[in-house]
Amino acid sequence: MDKILGTVLVLLALGAGTSLLLSTFFRKKWVWFLPSITGVILIMRYALKIQLETLEGFEELGYIFSIYMIISIILGNLMTNFLIIRWRKSQ
């Protein structure tokens, strides 16, 4: 359980880090949300792959874990983006 929690926290930090990095180099807000948009596209791809293809062994479980990991990155990115937007509006 500790390894799963550690992995989720690292992925949240990775999403937050990409958000901070993109917000320092780009002023356009849509660029800040590109990792989240890419994550949603990957989640849709994996979900369709699970539904439409015949998978063998634990391949489906791997896709489900990948989806959860992508969701962690998306959450880190979105939370940090909204905090940055709110912080810049208050200045």
N, C-alpha and C. Protein backbone atom coordinates (compact mmCIF):
# COMPACT_ATOMS: atom_id res chain seq x y z
N MET A 1 0.82 -1.20 0.00
CA MET A 1 0.00 0.00 0.00
C MET A 1 0.86 1.26 0.00
N ASP A 2 2.01 1.20 0.69
CA ASP A 2 2.89 2.36 0.73
C ASP A 2 3.48 2.66 -0.64
N LYS A 3 3.78 1.61 -1.40
CA LYS A 3 4.35 1.82 -2.73
C LYS A 3 3.32 2.46 -3.67
N ILE A 4 2.07 2.05 -3.55
CA ILE A 4 1.02 2.63 -4.39
C ILE A 4 0.83 4.10 -4.06
N LEU A 5 0.78 4.41 -2.76
CA LEU A 5 0.62 5.80 -2.34
C LEU A 5 1.81 6.64 -2.77
N GLY A 6 3.01 6.08 -2.65
CA GLY A 6 4.20 6.80 -3.09
C GLY A 6 4.19 7.07 -4.58
N THR A 7 3.74 6.07 -5.35
CA THR A 7 3.66 6.23 -6.80
C THR A 7 2.65 7.32 -7.16
N VAL A 8 1.50 7.31 -6.50
CA VAL A 8 0.47 8.32 -6.78
C VAL A 8 0.99 9.71 -6.42
N LEU A 9 1.69 9.84 -5.30
CA LEU A 9 2.22 11.15 -4.91
C LEU A 9 3.29 11.64 -5.88
N VAL A 10 4.14 10.73 -6.35
CA VAL A 10 5.16 11.11 -7.33
C VAL A 10 4.50 11.56 -8.63
N LEU A 11 3.46 10.86 -9.06
CA LEU A 11 2.77 11.24 -10.30
C LEU A 11 2.02 12.56 -10.15
N LEU A 12 1.44 12.80 -8.96
CA LEU A 12 0.81 14.11 -8.71
C LEU A 12 1.86 15.22 -8.78
N ALA A 13 3.03 14.96 -8.20
CA ALA A 13 4.11 15.95 -8.25
C ALA A 13 4.61 16.15 -9.67
N LEU A 14 4.63 15.09 -10.46
CA LEU A 14 5.03 15.21 -11.86
C LEU A 14 4.06 16.08 -12.64
N GLY A 15 2.76 15.89 -12.41
CA GLY A 15 1.76 16.73 -13.06
C GLY A 15 1.87 18.18 -12.63
N ALA A 16 2.12 18.39 -11.33
CA ALA A 16 2.28 19.75 -10.83
C ALA A 16 3.55 20.39 -11.39
N GLY A 17 4.61 19.60 -11.50
CA GLY A 17 5.86 20.13 -12.04
C GLY A 17 5.74 20.54 -13.50
N THR A 18 5.04 19.74 -14.30
CA THR A 18 4.85 20.13 -15.69
C THR A 18 4.01 21.39 -15.80
N SER A 19 3.05 21.52 -14.90
CA SER A 19 2.21 22.71 -14.90
C SER A 19 3.03 23.95 -14.55
N LEU A 20 3.87 23.84 -13.53
CA LEU A 20 4.72 24.97 -13.15
C LEU A 20 5.71 25.32 -14.25
N LEU A 21 6.28 24.30 -14.87
CA LEU A 21 7.25 24.53 -15.94
C LEU A 21 6.60 25.20 -17.14
N LEU A 22 5.42 24.72 -17.54
CA LEU A 22 4.74 25.33 -18.68
C LEU A 22 4.25 26.74 -18.38
N SER A 23 3.86 26.99 -17.13
CA SER A 23 3.36 28.33 -16.79
C SER A 23 4.48 29.36 -16.72
N THR A 24 5.72 28.92 -16.49
CA THR A 24 6.81 29.88 -16.48
C THR A 24 7.26 30.26 -17.89
N PHE A 25 7.12 29.34 -18.84
CA PHE A 25 7.59 29.61 -20.20
C PHE A 25 6.51 30.11 -21.15
N PHE A 26 5.25 29.84 -20.86
CA PHE A 26 4.17 30.22 -21.76
C PHE A 26 3.13 31.04 -21.00
N ARG A 27 2.62 32.08 -21.64
CA ARG A 27 1.58 32.91 -21.04
C ARG A 27 0.17 32.44 -21.40
N LYS A 28 0.06 31.74 -22.52
CA LYS A 28 -1.27 31.27 -22.95
C LYS A 28 -1.69 30.11 -22.07
N LYS A 29 -2.91 30.21 -21.54
CA LYS A 29 -3.37 29.22 -20.56
C LYS A 29 -3.68 27.87 -21.19
N TRP A 30 -4.03 27.83 -22.46
CA TRP A 30 -4.36 26.55 -23.06
C TRP A 30 -3.14 25.65 -23.15
N VAL A 31 -1.95 26.24 -23.20
CA VAL A 31 -0.72 25.44 -23.24
C VAL A 31 -0.50 24.73 -21.91
N TRP A 32 -0.92 25.36 -20.82
CA TRP A 32 -0.75 24.77 -19.49
C TRP A 32 -1.56 23.50 -19.34
N PHE A 33 -2.66 23.39 -20.08
CA PHE A 33 -3.55 22.24 -19.95
C PHE A 33 -3.25 21.14 -20.96
N LEU A 34 -2.20 21.27 -21.76
CA LEU A 34 -1.86 20.24 -22.75
C LEU A 34 -1.57 18.87 -22.13
N PRO A 35 -0.85 18.77 -21.00
CA PRO A 35 -0.67 17.43 -20.41
C PRO A 35 -1.99 16.78 -20.00
N SER A 36 -2.94 17.56 -19.52
CA SER A 36 -4.24 17.00 -19.15
C SER A 36 -5.02 16.55 -20.38
N ILE A 37 -4.97 17.33 -21.44
CA ILE A 37 -5.66 16.96 -22.67
C ILE A 37 -5.05 15.69 -23.26
N THR A 38 -3.73 15.61 -23.25
CA THR A 38 -3.05 14.41 -23.73
C THR A 38 -3.42 13.20 -22.88
N GLY A 39 -3.53 13.40 -21.57
CA GLY A 39 -3.92 12.31 -20.68
C GLY A 39 -5.33 11.82 -20.96
N VAL A 40 -6.25 12.73 -21.22
CA VAL A 40 -7.63 12.33 -21.53
C VAL A 40 -7.66 11.53 -22.83
N ILE A 41 -6.87 11.94 -23.81
CA ILE A 41 -6.82 11.21 -25.08
C ILE A 41 -6.26 9.81 -24.87
N LEU A 42 -5.22 9.69 -24.04
CA LEU A 42 -4.66 8.37 -23.74
C LEU A 42 -5.65 7.49 -22.98
N ILE A 43 -6.39 8.08 -22.05
CA ILE A 43 -7.39 7.31 -21.31
C ILE A 43 -8.47 6.79 -22.25
N MET A 44 -8.92 7.64 -23.18
CA MET A 44 -9.92 7.18 -24.15
C MET A 44 -9.37 6.05 -25.02
N ARG A 45 -8.10 6.17 -25.42
CA ARG A 45 -7.48 5.13 -26.24
C ARG A 45 -7.41 3.81 -25.50
N TYR A 46 -6.97 3.86 -24.23
CA TYR A 46 -6.87 2.63 -23.45
C TYR A 46 -8.24 2.03 -23.17
N ALA A 47 -9.23 2.88 -22.90
CA ALA A 47 -10.58 2.37 -22.63
C ALA A 47 -11.15 1.69 -23.88
N LEU A 48 -10.94 2.30 -25.03
CA LEU A 48 -11.41 1.67 -26.27
C LEU A 48 -10.67 0.37 -26.55
N LYS A 49 -9.39 0.36 -26.25
CA LYS A 49 -8.60 -0.85 -26.46
C LYS A 49 -9.10 -1.98 -25.56
N ILE A 50 -9.46 -1.65 -24.32
CA ILE A 50 -9.99 -2.66 -23.40
C ILE A 50 -11.33 -3.18 -23.91
N GLN A 51 -12.19 -2.29 -24.42
CA GLN A 51 -13.53 -2.70 -24.84
C GLN A 51 -13.54 -3.43 -26.18
N LEU A 52 -12.72 -3.00 -27.13
CA LEU A 52 -12.85 -3.50 -28.49
C LEU A 52 -11.92 -4.66 -28.84
N GLU A 53 -10.78 -4.75 -28.18
CA GLU A 53 -9.82 -5.80 -28.53
C GLU A 53 -9.95 -6.98 -27.58
N THR A 54 -9.54 -8.13 -28.06
CA THR A 54 -9.46 -9.30 -27.18
C THR A 54 -8.07 -9.32 -26.57
N LEU A 55 -8.00 -9.17 -25.27
CA LEU A 55 -6.73 -9.08 -24.58
C LEU A 55 -6.44 -10.40 -23.87
N GLU A 56 -5.17 -10.73 -23.76
CA GLU A 56 -4.78 -11.98 -23.14
C GLU A 56 -4.09 -11.72 -21.82
N GLY A 57 -4.29 -12.60 -20.88
CA GLY A 57 -3.59 -12.52 -19.61
C GLY A 57 -4.00 -11.30 -18.79
N PHE A 58 -3.00 -10.65 -18.25
CA PHE A 58 -3.23 -9.49 -17.39
C PHE A 58 -3.06 -8.17 -18.14
N GLU A 59 -3.19 -8.22 -19.44
CA GLU A 59 -3.02 -7.02 -20.25
C GLU A 59 -4.06 -5.96 -19.92
N GLU A 60 -5.29 -6.38 -19.68
CA GLU A 60 -6.36 -5.45 -19.31
C GLU A 60 -6.07 -4.78 -17.98
N LEU A 61 -5.54 -5.54 -17.04
CA LEU A 61 -5.19 -4.99 -15.74
C LEU A 61 -4.09 -3.94 -15.87
N GLY A 62 -3.14 -4.18 -16.76
CA GLY A 62 -2.09 -3.20 -17.01
C GLY A 62 -2.64 -1.90 -17.57
N TYR A 63 -3.60 -2.01 -18.48
CA TYR A 63 -4.23 -0.80 -19.02
C TYR A 63 -5.01 -0.05 -17.94
N ILE A 64 -5.67 -0.78 -17.06
CA ILE A 64 -6.42 -0.12 -15.99
C ILE A 64 -5.48 0.61 -15.04
N PHE A 65 -4.35 -0.02 -14.68
CA PHE A 65 -3.37 0.66 -13.83
C PHE A 65 -2.79 1.88 -14.54
N SER A 66 -2.56 1.77 -15.84
CA SER A 66 -2.06 2.92 -16.60
C SER A 66 -3.06 4.06 -16.58
N ILE A 67 -4.34 3.74 -16.69
CA ILE A 67 -5.38 4.77 -16.64
C ILE A 67 -5.37 5.47 -15.30
N TYR A 68 -5.24 4.71 -14.20
CA TYR A 68 -5.19 5.33 -12.88
C TYR A 68 -3.96 6.22 -12.71
N MET A 69 -2.85 5.80 -13.29
CA MET A 69 -1.63 6.61 -13.20
C MET A 69 -1.79 7.90 -14.00
N ILE A 70 -2.41 7.82 -15.16
CA ILE A 70 -2.64 9.02 -15.96
C ILE A 70 -3.60 9.96 -15.25
N ILE A 71 -4.60 9.42 -14.57
CA ILE A 71 -5.53 10.25 -13.80
C ILE A 71 -4.79 11.01 -12.71
N SER A 72 -3.80 10.39 -12.07
CA SER A 72 -3.02 11.08 -11.05
C SER A 72 -2.26 12.27 -11.64
N ILE A 73 -1.67 12.07 -12.80
CA ILE A 73 -0.94 13.17 -13.46
C ILE A 73 -1.91 14.29 -13.83
N ILE A 74 -3.07 13.93 -14.36
CA ILE A 74 -4.06 14.94 -14.74
C ILE A 74 -4.50 15.74 -13.52
N LEU A 75 -4.77 15.07 -12.40
CA LEU A 75 -5.20 15.78 -11.19
C LEU A 75 -4.13 16.74 -10.69
N GLY A 76 -2.87 16.30 -10.69
CA GLY A 76 -1.79 17.19 -10.28
C GLY A 76 -1.68 18.40 -11.18
N ASN A 77 -1.82 18.18 -12.48
CA ASN A 77 -1.74 19.28 -13.43
C ASN A 77 -2.90 20.24 -13.26
N LEU A 78 -4.11 19.73 -13.15
CA LEU A 78 -5.28 20.61 -13.05
C LEU A 78 -5.29 21.41 -11.75
N MET A 79 -4.96 20.75 -10.63
CA MET A 79 -4.95 21.46 -9.35
C MET A 79 -3.93 22.60 -9.37
N THR A 80 -2.74 22.32 -9.88
CA THR A 80 -1.71 23.35 -9.92
C THR A 80 -2.08 24.47 -10.89
N ASN A 81 -2.66 24.13 -12.03
CA ASN A 81 -3.07 25.17 -12.98
C ASN A 81 -4.10 26.10 -12.38
N PHE A 82 -5.09 25.55 -11.70
CA PHE A 82 -6.12 26.40 -11.10
C PHE A 82 -5.55 27.25 -9.96
N LEU A 83 -4.60 26.71 -9.21
CA LEU A 83 -3.95 27.50 -8.17
C LEU A 83 -3.11 28.64 -8.76
N ILE A 84 -2.42 28.36 -9.85
CA ILE A 84 -1.61 29.40 -10.51
C ILE A 84 -2.51 30.50 -11.06
N ILE A 85 -3.60 30.11 -11.72
CA ILE A 85 -4.53 31.11 -12.28
C ILE A 85 -5.11 31.96 -11.17
N ARG A 86 -5.51 31.34 -10.09
CA ARG A 86 -6.09 32.08 -8.96
C ARG A 86 -5.06 33.01 -8.32
N TRP A 87 -3.82 32.54 -8.20
CA TRP A 87 -2.76 33.34 -7.59
C TRP A 87 -2.42 34.55 -8.47
N ARG A 88 -2.38 34.35 -9.80
CA ARG A 88 -2.05 35.46 -10.69
C ARG A 88 -3.18 36.48 -10.79
N LYS A 89 -4.44 36.03 -10.62
CA LYS A 89 -5.55 36.99 -10.63
C LYS A 89 -5.55 37.86 -9.38
N SER A 90 -5.08 37.32 -8.27
CA SER A 90 -5.09 38.08 -7.02
C SER A 90 -3.99 39.12 -6.97
N GLN A 91 -3.01 39.03 -7.86
CA GLN A 91 -1.91 40.01 -7.83
C GLN A 91 -2.25 41.26 -8.58
